[in-house]
N, C-alpha and C. Protein backbone atom coordinates (compact mmCIF):
# COMPACT_ATOMS: atom_id res chain seq x y z
N MET A 1 74.18 52.47 71.95
CA MET A 1 75.13 51.80 71.27
C MET A 1 75.77 52.03 70.99
N SER A 2 76.94 51.08 70.46
CA SER A 2 78.17 51.35 70.54
C SER A 2 78.29 50.94 68.44
N THR A 3 79.22 51.45 67.68
CA THR A 3 78.58 51.57 66.49
C THR A 3 80.20 50.69 66.10
N PRO A 4 79.88 50.62 64.88
CA PRO A 4 81.36 49.77 63.98
C PRO A 4 82.41 50.29 64.32
N GLU A 5 82.63 51.78 64.59
CA GLU A 5 83.71 52.75 64.81
C GLU A 5 84.09 51.84 65.84
N HIS A 6 83.32 51.70 66.91
CA HIS A 6 84.02 51.28 67.99
C HIS A 6 85.23 50.19 68.32
N PHE A 7 84.45 49.21 67.62
CA PHE A 7 84.88 48.16 67.65
C PHE A 7 86.67 47.86 67.02
N VAL A 8 85.95 48.88 65.88
CA VAL A 8 87.49 49.01 65.32
C VAL A 8 89.22 49.57 66.26
N LEU A 9 88.36 50.47 66.42
CA LEU A 9 89.24 51.11 68.33
C LEU A 9 89.43 49.81 69.08
N LEU A 10 88.60 49.35 69.22
CA LEU A 10 88.89 48.38 70.02
C LEU A 10 89.43 46.82 70.13
N ALA A 11 89.41 46.54 68.94
CA ALA A 11 90.81 45.58 67.69
C ALA A 11 92.09 46.43 68.44
N ALA A 12 92.19 47.69 67.89
CA ALA A 12 93.46 47.87 67.65
C ALA A 12 94.12 47.97 69.10
N TYR A 13 93.39 48.85 70.07
CA TYR A 13 93.45 48.70 71.28
C TYR A 13 93.77 47.46 71.58
N ASN A 14 93.29 46.19 71.59
CA ASN A 14 92.93 44.65 72.04
C ASN A 14 95.20 44.19 71.55
N ALA A 15 95.11 44.54 70.63
CA ALA A 15 96.04 43.80 69.62
C ALA A 15 97.30 44.72 70.70
N ASP A 16 97.44 45.51 70.70
CA ASP A 16 98.19 47.08 70.79
C ASP A 16 98.71 46.41 72.54
N MET A 17 97.92 46.35 72.95
CA MET A 17 98.13 45.95 74.55
C MET A 17 98.29 44.34 74.53
N ASN A 18 97.75 43.81 74.28
CA ASN A 18 98.46 42.30 73.76
C ASN A 18 99.80 42.03 73.77
N ARG A 19 100.19 42.83 72.67
CA ARG A 19 102.15 43.13 71.98
C ARG A 19 102.50 43.97 73.23
N ASN A 20 102.35 44.74 73.74
CA ASN A 20 102.31 44.86 75.23
C ASN A 20 102.55 43.94 76.36
N LEU A 21 101.49 43.27 76.43
CA LEU A 21 101.80 41.97 77.33
C LEU A 21 102.84 40.82 76.90
N TYR A 22 102.94 41.04 75.71
CA TYR A 22 103.93 39.08 75.68
C TYR A 22 105.35 40.12 75.66
N ALA A 23 105.61 41.20 75.28
CA ALA A 23 106.65 41.66 75.42
C ALA A 23 107.31 42.16 76.83
N ALA A 24 106.40 42.39 78.03
CA ALA A 24 106.28 42.28 79.38
C ALA A 24 106.71 40.62 79.69
N ALA A 25 105.89 40.36 79.03
CA ALA A 25 106.22 38.92 79.39
C ALA A 25 107.54 38.33 78.71
N ALA A 26 108.00 38.53 78.22
CA ALA A 26 109.38 38.34 78.13
C ALA A 26 110.58 38.46 78.54
N ASN A 27 110.27 39.27 79.81
CA ASN A 27 111.39 39.83 80.89
C ASN A 27 111.29 39.01 81.36
N LEU A 28 110.17 38.59 81.91
CA LEU A 28 110.01 37.34 83.25
C LEU A 28 111.24 36.92 83.46
N PRO A 29 111.55 36.28 84.52
CA PRO A 29 113.22 35.27 84.38
C PRO A 29 112.68 33.86 84.37
N PRO A 30 113.12 32.97 84.14
CA PRO A 30 112.66 31.63 83.89
C PRO A 30 111.95 30.83 84.98
N GLY A 31 111.05 30.55 84.43
CA GLY A 31 110.06 29.71 85.49
C GLY A 31 108.55 30.39 85.77
N GLU A 32 108.76 31.69 85.72
CA GLU A 32 107.72 33.20 86.44
C GLU A 32 106.30 33.27 85.63
N LEU A 33 106.88 32.70 84.07
CA LEU A 33 105.66 32.25 83.03
C LEU A 33 104.71 31.58 83.76
N THR A 34 104.87 30.59 83.51
CA THR A 34 104.14 29.15 84.31
C THR A 34 104.27 28.98 86.29
N ALA A 35 104.57 29.85 87.06
CA ALA A 35 104.68 29.62 88.41
C ALA A 35 103.22 29.89 88.90
N ASP A 36 102.96 29.50 89.84
CA ASP A 36 101.63 29.48 90.15
C ASP A 36 101.65 30.82 91.48
N ARG A 37 100.37 31.82 90.82
CA ARG A 37 100.77 33.03 91.72
C ARG A 37 99.23 33.20 92.21
N LYS A 38 98.85 32.29 92.24
CA LYS A 38 97.16 32.09 92.60
C LYS A 38 96.22 32.92 91.85
N ALA A 39 96.17 33.19 90.84
CA ALA A 39 95.35 33.60 90.18
C ALA A 39 94.35 33.21 90.04
N PHE A 40 93.23 33.32 89.37
CA PHE A 40 92.02 32.80 88.74
C PHE A 40 92.71 31.72 88.09
N PHE A 41 93.35 31.89 86.98
CA PHE A 41 93.56 30.50 86.07
C PHE A 41 95.12 30.41 86.52
N GLY A 42 96.05 30.66 87.62
CA GLY A 42 97.28 30.06 88.24
C GLY A 42 98.30 30.58 87.55
N SER A 43 98.46 30.98 86.69
CA SER A 43 99.54 31.73 86.51
C SER A 43 99.86 32.77 84.99
N LEU A 44 100.92 33.58 84.77
CA LEU A 44 100.71 34.01 83.60
C LEU A 44 100.07 33.14 82.64
N ALA A 45 101.14 32.31 82.36
CA ALA A 45 100.62 31.42 80.99
C ALA A 45 99.13 31.04 81.56
N GLY A 46 98.48 30.33 81.96
CA GLY A 46 96.81 29.98 82.59
C GLY A 46 96.43 31.37 82.07
N THR A 47 97.07 32.65 82.60
CA THR A 47 95.83 33.31 82.10
C THR A 47 95.81 33.68 80.81
N MET A 48 96.98 33.44 80.01
CA MET A 48 97.28 33.83 78.62
C MET A 48 96.85 33.03 77.67
N ASN A 49 96.55 31.63 78.20
CA ASN A 49 95.94 30.50 77.58
C ASN A 49 94.57 30.78 77.63
N HIS A 50 93.48 31.30 78.37
CA HIS A 50 92.43 31.49 79.01
C HIS A 50 92.01 32.46 78.21
N LEU A 51 92.82 33.97 77.84
CA LEU A 51 92.16 34.81 77.14
C LEU A 51 92.29 33.80 75.44
N LEU A 52 93.47 33.35 74.95
CA LEU A 52 93.35 32.74 73.29
C LEU A 52 92.36 31.55 73.64
N ALA A 53 91.87 30.86 74.57
CA ALA A 53 90.60 29.82 74.50
C ALA A 53 89.85 30.65 74.21
N GLY A 54 89.39 31.61 75.59
CA GLY A 54 87.43 32.44 75.44
C GLY A 54 87.66 33.28 73.89
N ASP A 55 88.95 33.83 73.08
CA ASP A 55 88.89 34.52 71.99
C ASP A 55 88.82 33.86 70.91
N THR A 56 89.28 32.55 70.82
CA THR A 56 88.95 31.20 69.67
C THR A 56 87.21 30.76 69.90
N ILE A 57 87.19 30.22 71.10
CA ILE A 57 85.52 30.26 71.26
C ILE A 57 84.75 31.34 70.38
N TRP A 58 84.67 31.92 70.71
CA TRP A 58 83.99 33.22 70.69
C TRP A 58 83.96 33.80 69.17
N LEU A 59 85.56 33.66 68.87
CA LEU A 59 85.35 34.37 67.15
C LEU A 59 84.84 33.05 66.56
N LYS A 60 84.34 31.67 66.97
CA LYS A 60 84.31 30.55 65.95
C LYS A 60 82.68 30.50 65.97
N ARG A 61 81.93 31.17 67.25
CA ARG A 61 80.57 31.49 67.49
C ARG A 61 80.38 32.57 66.04
N PHE A 62 81.29 33.39 66.21
CA PHE A 62 80.83 35.04 65.75
C PHE A 62 81.03 34.23 63.97
N ALA A 63 81.82 33.49 64.14
CA ALA A 63 81.89 32.72 62.42
C ALA A 63 80.47 32.70 61.91
N THR A 64 79.38 31.92 62.88
CA THR A 64 78.21 31.86 62.77
C THR A 64 77.02 32.55 61.82
N HIS A 65 77.52 33.83 62.20
CA HIS A 65 76.52 35.32 62.15
C HIS A 65 76.03 34.91 60.75
N PRO A 66 75.31 35.30 59.90
CA PRO A 66 74.41 35.71 58.83
C PRO A 66 74.98 36.62 57.92
N ALA A 67 75.94 37.39 58.42
CA ALA A 67 77.20 38.57 58.10
C ALA A 67 77.90 37.52 57.04
N ASP A 68 78.20 36.37 57.64
CA ASP A 68 79.27 35.67 56.85
C ASP A 68 80.55 36.37 56.71
N PHE A 69 81.37 37.13 58.27
CA PHE A 69 82.33 37.74 58.09
C PHE A 69 83.61 37.07 57.58
N PRO A 70 84.15 37.40 56.09
CA PRO A 70 85.67 36.92 55.35
C PRO A 70 86.04 36.96 56.14
N ALA A 71 86.69 38.07 57.39
CA ALA A 71 87.79 37.61 58.04
C ALA A 71 87.82 36.73 58.73
N LEU A 72 86.69 36.01 59.08
CA LEU A 72 86.49 34.85 59.71
C LEU A 72 86.68 33.76 59.49
N ALA A 73 86.67 33.37 58.22
CA ALA A 73 86.82 32.03 57.87
C ALA A 73 87.92 31.14 58.12
N ALA A 74 89.35 32.09 58.22
CA ALA A 74 90.12 31.32 59.65
C ALA A 74 89.96 30.33 60.30
N VAL A 75 88.86 30.83 61.15
CA VAL A 75 88.75 30.59 62.15
C VAL A 75 87.92 29.16 61.78
N ALA A 76 87.54 28.83 61.40
CA ALA A 76 86.59 27.73 60.66
C ALA A 76 87.65 26.43 60.90
N GLU A 77 89.08 26.62 60.32
CA GLU A 77 90.25 25.65 60.23
C GLU A 77 90.70 25.75 61.97
N MET A 78 90.42 26.25 62.96
CA MET A 78 91.05 26.40 64.10
C MET A 78 90.65 25.00 64.62
N PRO A 79 91.48 24.60 65.99
CA PRO A 79 90.95 23.39 66.54
C PRO A 79 89.75 24.15 67.27
N GLN A 80 88.42 23.44 67.88
CA GLN A 80 88.29 24.68 68.96
C GLN A 80 88.50 23.86 70.57
N PRO A 81 89.35 24.52 71.22
CA PRO A 81 89.39 24.78 72.59
C PRO A 81 88.61 23.76 73.40
N GLY A 82 89.32 22.68 74.37
CA GLY A 82 88.49 21.73 74.96
C GLY A 82 87.99 22.48 76.21
N GLY A 83 87.71 23.64 76.55
CA GLY A 83 87.03 24.50 77.64
C GLY A 83 88.02 25.98 77.71
N LEU A 84 87.71 26.82 78.48
CA LEU A 84 88.06 28.01 79.24
C LEU A 84 89.68 28.00 79.89
N SER A 85 90.17 27.05 80.67
CA SER A 85 90.75 26.65 80.82
C SER A 85 92.05 25.80 79.68
N HIS A 86 91.60 25.94 78.51
CA HIS A 86 92.68 24.86 77.61
C HIS A 86 94.02 25.02 77.45
N ILE A 87 95.23 24.53 77.61
CA ILE A 87 96.25 24.80 77.71
C ILE A 87 96.58 24.89 75.90
N PHE A 88 96.79 25.75 75.43
CA PHE A 88 97.42 25.73 74.10
C PHE A 88 99.22 25.65 74.11
N SER A 89 99.99 26.24 74.95
CA SER A 89 101.35 25.55 75.97
C SER A 89 101.34 26.72 76.60
N ASP A 90 102.54 26.14 77.13
CA ASP A 90 103.78 26.99 78.59
C ASP A 90 104.95 28.01 77.66
N ASP A 91 104.88 27.33 76.45
CA ASP A 91 105.78 28.39 75.43
C ASP A 91 105.51 29.74 75.51
N LEU A 92 106.01 30.91 75.83
CA LEU A 92 105.76 32.12 75.56
C LEU A 92 105.53 32.07 73.47
N PRO A 93 106.65 31.91 73.18
CA PRO A 93 106.90 31.93 71.79
C PRO A 93 106.05 31.17 70.99
N THR A 94 105.62 30.16 71.04
CA THR A 94 104.04 30.02 70.34
C THR A 94 102.63 30.33 71.81
N LEU A 95 102.83 30.56 72.15
CA LEU A 95 101.29 31.45 72.86
C LEU A 95 101.61 32.49 72.02
N ARG A 96 102.73 33.26 71.70
CA ARG A 96 102.69 34.67 71.17
C ARG A 96 102.52 34.42 69.63
N ARG A 97 102.74 33.31 69.10
CA ARG A 97 102.23 33.05 67.77
C ARG A 97 101.07 32.87 67.72
N HIS A 98 99.85 32.27 68.35
CA HIS A 98 99.01 32.03 68.34
C HIS A 98 97.66 33.70 68.47
N ARG A 99 98.68 34.56 69.58
CA ARG A 99 98.00 35.74 70.16
C ARG A 99 97.70 36.33 68.88
N GLU A 100 99.03 36.65 68.03
CA GLU A 100 99.20 37.49 67.07
C GLU A 100 98.11 36.79 65.94
N GLN A 101 97.59 35.64 65.53
CA GLN A 101 97.43 34.98 64.22
C GLN A 101 95.80 35.47 65.14
N LEU A 102 95.21 35.72 66.32
CA LEU A 102 94.02 36.10 66.66
C LEU A 102 93.82 37.15 66.29
N ASP A 103 94.57 38.16 66.63
CA ASP A 103 94.30 39.92 66.39
C ASP A 103 94.53 40.27 65.50
N ALA A 104 95.24 39.19 64.43
CA ALA A 104 95.20 39.67 62.89
C ALA A 104 94.17 39.68 62.62
N ILE A 105 92.96 38.89 63.08
CA ILE A 105 91.74 37.76 62.75
C ILE A 105 90.87 39.16 63.15
N ILE A 106 90.98 39.42 64.45
CA ILE A 106 90.19 40.58 64.70
C ILE A 106 90.29 41.55 64.60
N SER A 107 91.62 42.41 64.38
CA SER A 107 91.57 43.47 63.20
C SER A 107 91.43 43.28 62.10
N ALA A 108 91.38 42.32 61.17
CA ALA A 108 90.84 42.39 60.07
C ALA A 108 89.21 42.46 59.75
N TRP A 109 88.47 41.49 61.03
CA TRP A 109 87.20 41.81 61.09
C TRP A 109 85.92 42.49 61.49
N ALA A 110 87.33 43.58 62.63
CA ALA A 110 86.32 44.42 63.00
C ALA A 110 86.25 45.94 61.94
N PRO A 111 86.57 46.36 60.95
CA PRO A 111 86.17 47.03 60.16
C PRO A 111 84.97 46.59 59.59
N GLN A 112 84.45 45.21 59.13
CA GLN A 112 83.83 44.48 58.70
C GLN A 112 82.22 44.36 59.20
N LEU A 113 82.46 44.83 59.95
CA LEU A 113 81.54 44.93 61.37
C LEU A 113 80.22 46.34 60.64
N THR A 114 78.89 45.93 60.37
CA THR A 114 77.88 47.20 60.13
C THR A 114 76.93 47.03 61.17
N ALA A 115 76.14 48.39 61.23
CA ALA A 115 75.08 48.50 62.14
C ALA A 115 74.08 47.83 62.38
N ALA A 116 73.98 47.47 60.96
CA ALA A 116 72.93 46.08 60.68
C ALA A 116 73.16 44.77 61.43
N GLY A 117 74.38 44.74 61.47
CA GLY A 117 75.32 43.47 61.58
C GLY A 117 74.81 43.65 63.53
N LEU A 118 75.78 44.23 63.72
CA LEU A 118 75.67 44.27 65.76
C LEU A 118 74.18 44.84 66.11
N ALA A 119 72.61 44.76 64.88
CA ALA A 119 71.88 45.16 65.76
C ALA A 119 71.17 43.61 65.82
N HIS A 120 71.79 42.70 65.59
CA HIS A 120 71.36 41.48 65.13
C HIS A 120 71.14 40.35 66.13
N ALA A 121 70.16 39.61 66.42
CA ALA A 121 69.74 38.89 67.70
C ALA A 121 70.93 37.66 67.08
N PHE A 122 71.63 37.72 67.81
CA PHE A 122 72.94 36.32 67.99
C PHE A 122 72.32 35.06 69.10
N GLU A 123 72.38 34.17 68.03
CA GLU A 123 72.08 32.60 68.77
C GLU A 123 73.62 31.86 69.19
N TYR A 124 73.50 31.38 70.54
CA TYR A 124 74.62 30.93 70.07
C TYR A 124 74.74 29.82 71.44
N ARG A 125 75.55 28.58 71.62
CA ARG A 125 76.11 27.88 72.51
C ARG A 125 76.87 27.99 73.45
N SER A 126 76.85 28.11 74.83
CA SER A 126 77.69 27.75 75.56
C SER A 126 78.05 27.11 75.25
N THR A 127 79.68 26.49 76.66
CA THR A 127 80.60 24.99 76.47
C THR A 127 79.85 24.31 76.95
N ARG A 128 78.91 24.77 78.14
CA ARG A 128 78.27 23.66 78.34
C ARG A 128 77.42 23.51 77.37
N GLY A 129 76.82 24.00 76.34
CA GLY A 129 75.61 23.68 75.50
C GLY A 129 74.09 24.65 75.84
N ASP A 130 74.28 25.31 76.09
CA ASP A 130 72.93 26.21 76.84
C ASP A 130 73.07 27.20 75.74
N VAL A 131 71.68 27.21 75.35
CA VAL A 131 71.73 28.06 74.41
C VAL A 131 71.27 29.55 74.57
N TYR A 132 71.73 30.18 74.13
CA TYR A 132 71.25 31.96 74.30
C TYR A 132 71.11 32.34 73.10
N ARG A 133 70.43 33.43 73.18
CA ARG A 133 69.99 34.61 72.28
C ARG A 133 70.03 36.32 72.54
N LYS A 134 71.27 36.73 72.36
CA LYS A 134 71.26 37.88 72.55
C LYS A 134 71.88 39.34 71.54
N HIS A 135 72.18 40.61 71.77
CA HIS A 135 72.02 41.25 70.72
C HIS A 135 73.65 41.38 70.53
N PHE A 136 73.83 40.96 69.12
CA PHE A 136 75.37 41.06 69.09
C PHE A 136 76.24 42.21 69.19
N GLY A 137 76.12 43.16 69.15
CA GLY A 137 76.76 44.38 69.39
C GLY A 137 77.25 44.05 71.46
N SER A 138 76.11 43.48 72.07
CA SER A 138 76.57 43.77 73.17
C SER A 138 77.36 42.55 73.71
N VAL A 139 76.79 41.16 72.91
CA VAL A 139 78.24 40.52 72.91
C VAL A 139 79.63 40.55 72.18
N LEU A 140 79.73 41.60 71.69
CA LEU A 140 81.13 42.08 71.17
C LEU A 140 81.56 42.97 72.19
N MET A 141 80.75 43.83 72.74
CA MET A 141 81.01 44.22 74.08
C MET A 141 81.78 43.40 74.84
N HIS A 142 81.35 42.32 75.28
CA HIS A 142 81.62 41.81 76.26
C HIS A 142 82.89 40.89 75.66
N PHE A 143 82.71 40.34 74.60
CA PHE A 143 84.00 40.05 74.34
C PHE A 143 85.13 40.59 74.26
N PHE A 144 85.11 42.28 73.95
CA PHE A 144 86.45 43.25 74.39
C PHE A 144 86.64 43.16 75.61
N ASN A 145 86.08 43.45 76.35
CA ASN A 145 85.73 43.57 77.87
C ASN A 145 86.42 42.42 77.87
N HIS A 146 85.74 41.22 78.25
CA HIS A 146 87.05 39.88 78.45
C HIS A 146 87.75 39.99 78.32
N GLN A 147 88.74 40.82 77.06
CA GLN A 147 90.16 40.71 76.95
C GLN A 147 90.82 41.33 77.80
N THR A 148 89.85 42.59 78.05
CA THR A 148 91.00 43.79 78.75
C THR A 148 90.59 43.57 80.35
N HIS A 149 89.59 42.35 80.68
CA HIS A 149 89.74 42.08 82.31
C HIS A 149 90.86 41.13 82.39
N HIS A 150 90.81 39.92 81.51
CA HIS A 150 91.95 39.46 81.95
C HIS A 150 93.36 39.78 81.63
N ARG A 151 93.24 40.92 81.16
CA ARG A 151 94.49 41.57 80.48
C ARG A 151 95.03 42.24 81.58
N GLY A 152 94.03 42.96 82.41
CA GLY A 152 94.51 43.45 83.68
C GLY A 152 95.09 42.59 84.85
N GLN A 153 94.18 41.38 84.65
CA GLN A 153 94.83 40.42 86.38
C GLN A 153 96.54 40.23 85.52
N ALA A 154 96.61 40.04 84.40
CA ALA A 154 97.88 39.60 83.66
C ALA A 154 98.96 40.50 84.16
N SER A 155 98.21 41.73 83.91
CA SER A 155 99.19 43.24 84.20
C SER A 155 99.60 43.14 85.83
N THR A 156 98.91 42.90 86.35
CA THR A 156 99.21 42.56 87.89
C THR A 156 100.10 41.48 87.98
N LEU A 157 99.98 40.57 87.57
CA LEU A 157 100.97 39.40 87.59
C LEU A 157 102.01 39.51 87.76
N LEU A 158 102.32 40.38 86.40
CA LEU A 158 104.19 41.35 85.92
C LEU A 158 104.04 42.33 87.00
N THR A 159 103.45 42.95 87.57
CA THR A 159 103.89 44.14 88.54
C THR A 159 103.91 43.35 89.53
N GLN A 160 103.69 42.30 89.62
CA GLN A 160 103.92 41.47 91.36
C GLN A 160 104.91 41.19 90.73
N ALA A 161 105.66 40.88 89.79
CA ALA A 161 107.09 40.21 89.19
C ALA A 161 107.81 40.92 88.65
N ASP A 162 107.36 42.45 89.21
CA ASP A 162 108.56 43.67 89.06
C ASP A 162 108.84 43.98 87.46
N VAL A 163 107.43 43.50 87.01
CA VAL A 163 107.83 43.75 85.19
C VAL A 163 106.94 44.50 84.73
N ASP A 164 107.28 45.85 84.36
CA ASP A 164 105.75 46.89 83.62
C ASP A 164 105.45 46.85 82.51
N ILE A 165 103.57 46.41 82.44
CA ILE A 165 103.53 46.31 81.35
C ILE A 165 103.34 48.07 80.56
N GLY A 166 103.57 49.15 81.14
CA GLY A 166 103.33 50.30 80.37
C GLY A 166 101.93 50.66 80.90
N VAL A 167 101.32 51.71 80.37
CA VAL A 167 100.36 52.42 80.26
C VAL A 167 98.71 51.50 79.80
N THR A 168 98.31 51.12 79.95
CA THR A 168 97.05 50.93 79.45
C THR A 168 95.51 51.32 79.38
N ASP A 169 95.44 52.51 79.27
CA ASP A 169 94.36 53.45 79.71
C ASP A 169 93.88 53.83 78.10
N LEU A 170 92.99 53.15 77.73
CA LEU A 170 92.36 53.18 76.78
C LEU A 170 91.89 54.84 75.98
N LEU A 171 92.13 55.52 76.84
CA LEU A 171 91.91 56.86 76.30
C LEU A 171 93.01 57.03 75.47
N LEU A 172 94.12 56.56 75.56
CA LEU A 172 95.52 56.55 75.27
C LEU A 172 95.30 56.44 73.17
N TRP A 173 94.14 55.41 73.21
CA TRP A 173 94.14 55.01 71.48
C TRP A 173 92.72 55.88 70.75
N VAL A 174 92.23 56.63 71.60
CA VAL A 174 90.93 57.43 71.13
C VAL A 174 91.44 58.48 70.73
N PRO A 175 91.21 58.81 69.55
CA PRO A 175 91.99 59.74 68.61
C PRO A 175 91.59 61.30 69.52
N ASP A 176 92.50 61.98 68.71
CA ASP A 176 91.90 63.46 69.68
C ASP A 176 91.65 63.88 68.29
N LEU A 177 90.51 64.92 68.60
CA LEU A 177 89.72 65.98 67.61
C LEU A 177 90.22 66.75 67.38
N ALA A 178 89.94 67.75 66.29
CA ALA A 178 90.46 68.90 66.21
C ALA A 178 90.01 69.78 66.90
N PRO A 179 90.36 70.63 67.32
CA PRO A 179 89.82 72.24 67.80
C PRO A 179 88.99 72.72 67.30
N THR A 180 87.73 72.84 67.55
CA THR A 180 86.34 73.80 66.84
C THR A 180 86.74 75.23 66.45
N THR A 181 86.28 75.96 65.20
CA THR A 181 86.22 77.42 65.77
C THR A 181 85.71 77.89 65.78
N PRO A 182 85.53 78.87 66.59
CA PRO A 182 84.85 79.73 67.06
C PRO A 182 83.79 80.58 66.15
């Protein structure tokens, strides 16, 4: 299973990739951010809003973990999104501010994770009210994978609009190891 250090790496990767995504989106001609591209959430703005909604919903759930992560205290003040298609805004600067706020929380929270906390059986309710009880470390893997999945969709939408997001491979964030001595 993943270690706390893996989640620190994923938090850094996601924050960097989100900065790249928003910087690339800033190069779109007017109207392209909200243009219907027939993506699952319609437009690039729809996809970005979905990522914000999903992350906010999950972070609010994670704030109920018995470890009582101090970095997640700020999410208690955030309004609960109306669902996974919640629209925070169609304005890129507004979306970026919300994204940066969430990424700062995630980056501060990841180092607070422990092996014991990751092994915890975590209970939460879906947006439909269904109750689930899952291994917390596995739920966190989903949380970070969900960002990567939809950011990949956003990257495709940008590519279709002739805007390059740059290299997206996690491998570039994996630290190099010192050479071994024979």
